[in-house]
Protein backbone atom coordinates (compact mmCIF):
# COMPACT_ATOMS: atom_id res chain seq x y z
CA MET A 1 -196.86 68.00 -2.21
CA LEU A 2 -192.82 67.56 -2.25
CA PHE A 3 -191.25 64.55 -3.48
CA TYR A 4 -187.45 63.99 -2.06
CA LYS A 5 -184.50 61.19 -2.94
CA ILE A 6 -182.43 60.99 -0.01
CA LYS A 7 -178.84 60.42 -0.77
CA PRO A 8 -177.31 57.03 0.57
CA GLY A 9 -176.25 57.40 3.86
CA GLU A 10 -177.96 60.86 4.96
CA GLY A 11 -181.45 59.16 6.35
CA GLU A 12 -180.35 60.44 10.17
CA ASN A 13 -180.26 64.15 9.11
CA PHE A 14 -183.41 63.80 6.77
CA TRP A 15 -185.69 61.95 9.15
CA ARG A 16 -184.73 63.70 12.27
CA TYR A 17 -185.56 67.27 10.69
CA ARG A 18 -188.82 65.92 8.60
CA LYS A 19 -190.03 64.02 12.24
CA ASN A 20 -189.25 67.80 13.70
CA ILE A 21 -190.91 69.58 11.42
CA THR A 22 -194.08 67.60 11.54
CA LYS A 23 -194.62 67.53 15.00
CA ALA A 24 -194.30 71.17 15.53
CA ALA A 25 -196.33 71.62 12.47
CA ALA A 26 -198.73 69.32 14.43
CA GLU A 27 -198.42 71.79 17.51
CA LEU A 28 -200.43 74.65 15.93
CA GLY A 29 -203.62 72.62 15.66
CA ASP A 30 -205.72 72.35 12.80
CA GLU A 31 -203.78 75.09 10.97
CA ILE A 32 -201.63 73.32 9.37
CA SER A 33 -201.25 69.92 8.27
CA LEU A 34 -198.45 68.00 7.12
CA ARG A 35 -197.61 64.28 6.59
CA VAL A 36 -194.30 62.63 5.65
CA TRP A 37 -194.71 58.99 3.45
CA ARG A 38 -192.28 56.79 2.67
CA SER A 39 -192.83 53.86 0.04
CA SER A 40 -191.25 50.77 1.36
CA PHE A 41 -192.15 48.38 -1.41
CA GLY A 42 -191.91 49.18 -5.36
CA GLY A 43 -190.91 52.64 -6.68
CA ILE A 44 -187.69 54.69 -6.54
CA PRO A 45 -185.06 53.67 -3.03
CA GLY A 46 -185.28 56.66 -1.07
CA ARG A 47 -188.16 58.32 -2.13
CA VAL A 48 -190.47 59.68 0.09
CA LEU A 49 -193.32 62.50 -0.03
CA VAL A 50 -194.31 65.30 1.85
CA THR A 51 -197.96 66.78 1.64
CA TYR A 52 -198.97 70.09 3.84
CA ALA A 53 -201.80 72.20 3.39
CA GLN A 54 -203.88 74.54 5.43
CA LYS A 55 -207.07 74.34 6.81
CA ASP A 56 -208.62 77.17 4.93
CA TYR A 57 -207.04 75.26 1.74
CA THR A 58 -205.28 78.87 1.29
CA GLY A 59 -201.56 76.30 0.28
CA LEU A 60 -198.41 79.08 -0.49
CA ASP A 61 -200.74 82.15 -0.59
CA ASN A 62 -200.40 82.48 3.52
CA GLU A 63 -197.42 80.31 3.51
CA SER A 64 -195.31 83.22 4.85
CA GLU A 65 -197.21 84.05 7.52
CA LEU A 66 -197.80 80.56 9.01
CA TYR A 67 -194.35 79.05 8.39
CA PRO A 68 -192.03 81.34 10.77
CA LYS A 69 -195.01 80.32 13.16
CA VAL A 70 -193.57 76.53 12.43
CA ILE A 71 -190.49 77.38 13.09
CA LYS A 72 -190.44 79.25 16.26
CA LYS A 73 -192.48 75.99 17.21
CA TYR A 74 -189.90 73.90 15.72
CA ASN A 75 -187.31 75.85 17.96
CA GLU A 76 -188.82 76.00 21.27
CA MET A 77 -189.84 72.26 21.09
CA PHE A 78 -186.42 70.83 20.49
CA ASN A 79 -184.03 73.34 21.98
CA VAL A 80 -182.42 73.32 18.56
CA ASN A 81 -180.81 75.79 15.65
CA TYR A 82 -183.69 74.81 13.33
CA ASN A 83 -181.71 77.03 10.28
CA ALA A 84 -178.87 74.02 11.41
CA ASP A 85 -180.96 71.54 11.06
CA ASN A 86 -182.29 72.54 7.73
CA ILE A 87 -179.32 72.92 6.21
CA ALA A 88 -178.44 69.51 7.03
CA PHE A 89 -181.76 68.48 5.70
CA SER A 90 -180.91 70.15 2.37
CA LYS A 91 -177.72 68.39 2.39
CA SER A 92 -178.87 64.64 2.81
CA LEU A 93 -181.21 65.12 -0.47
CA GLU A 94 -179.76 63.81 -4.39
CA MET A 95 -178.95 66.49 -6.44
CA TRP A 96 -181.36 64.99 -8.85
CA GLY A 97 -184.63 63.47 -8.77
CA ASN A 98 -186.32 66.16 -6.35
CA TYR A 99 -189.71 68.15 -7.31
CA SER A 100 -192.61 69.19 -5.95
CA LYS A 101 -196.14 69.40 -7.59
CA LEU A 102 -198.60 72.29 -6.40
CA TRP A 103 -202.63 71.23 -6.07
CA ARG A 104 -204.92 73.78 -4.86
CA PHE A 105 -208.29 72.72 -4.01
CA LEU A 106 -211.01 74.83 -5.98
CA PRO A 107 -214.52 74.10 -4.42
CA GLU A 108 -216.35 75.21 -7.45
CA LEU A 109 -214.84 71.97 -9.03
CA SER A 110 -215.62 70.23 -6.08
CA SER A 111 -219.10 68.14 -5.13
CA PRO A 112 -220.81 69.20 -1.79
CA VAL A 113 -219.58 66.94 0.87
CA PRO A 114 -222.24 64.57 2.08
CA SER A 115 -223.77 65.79 5.55
CA SER A 116 -224.15 62.21 7.77
């Protein structure tokens, strides 16, 4: 889970990248889930929450295999240079206030999913 703080006036670069990367990830089917939320009431202005997960719950364990597929799809779908958009995205973030939390699914500590 990633928490971002957008610089005032930099929303266009931030949202172009975030929307495009989400669409590119969706094209891979259910291999990866990538979601973006923005709070419109309460909380810190400009704060955005991004979550991502893999179908098999490997998380960061297989990111080096999966994320290159997302980047390739990004370049194909939007006919742009992912690296340039990623740099613009990085520059759209405040220097302070960005952080991440790692949540890992542990089946042995989870209740069974009820069947219908």
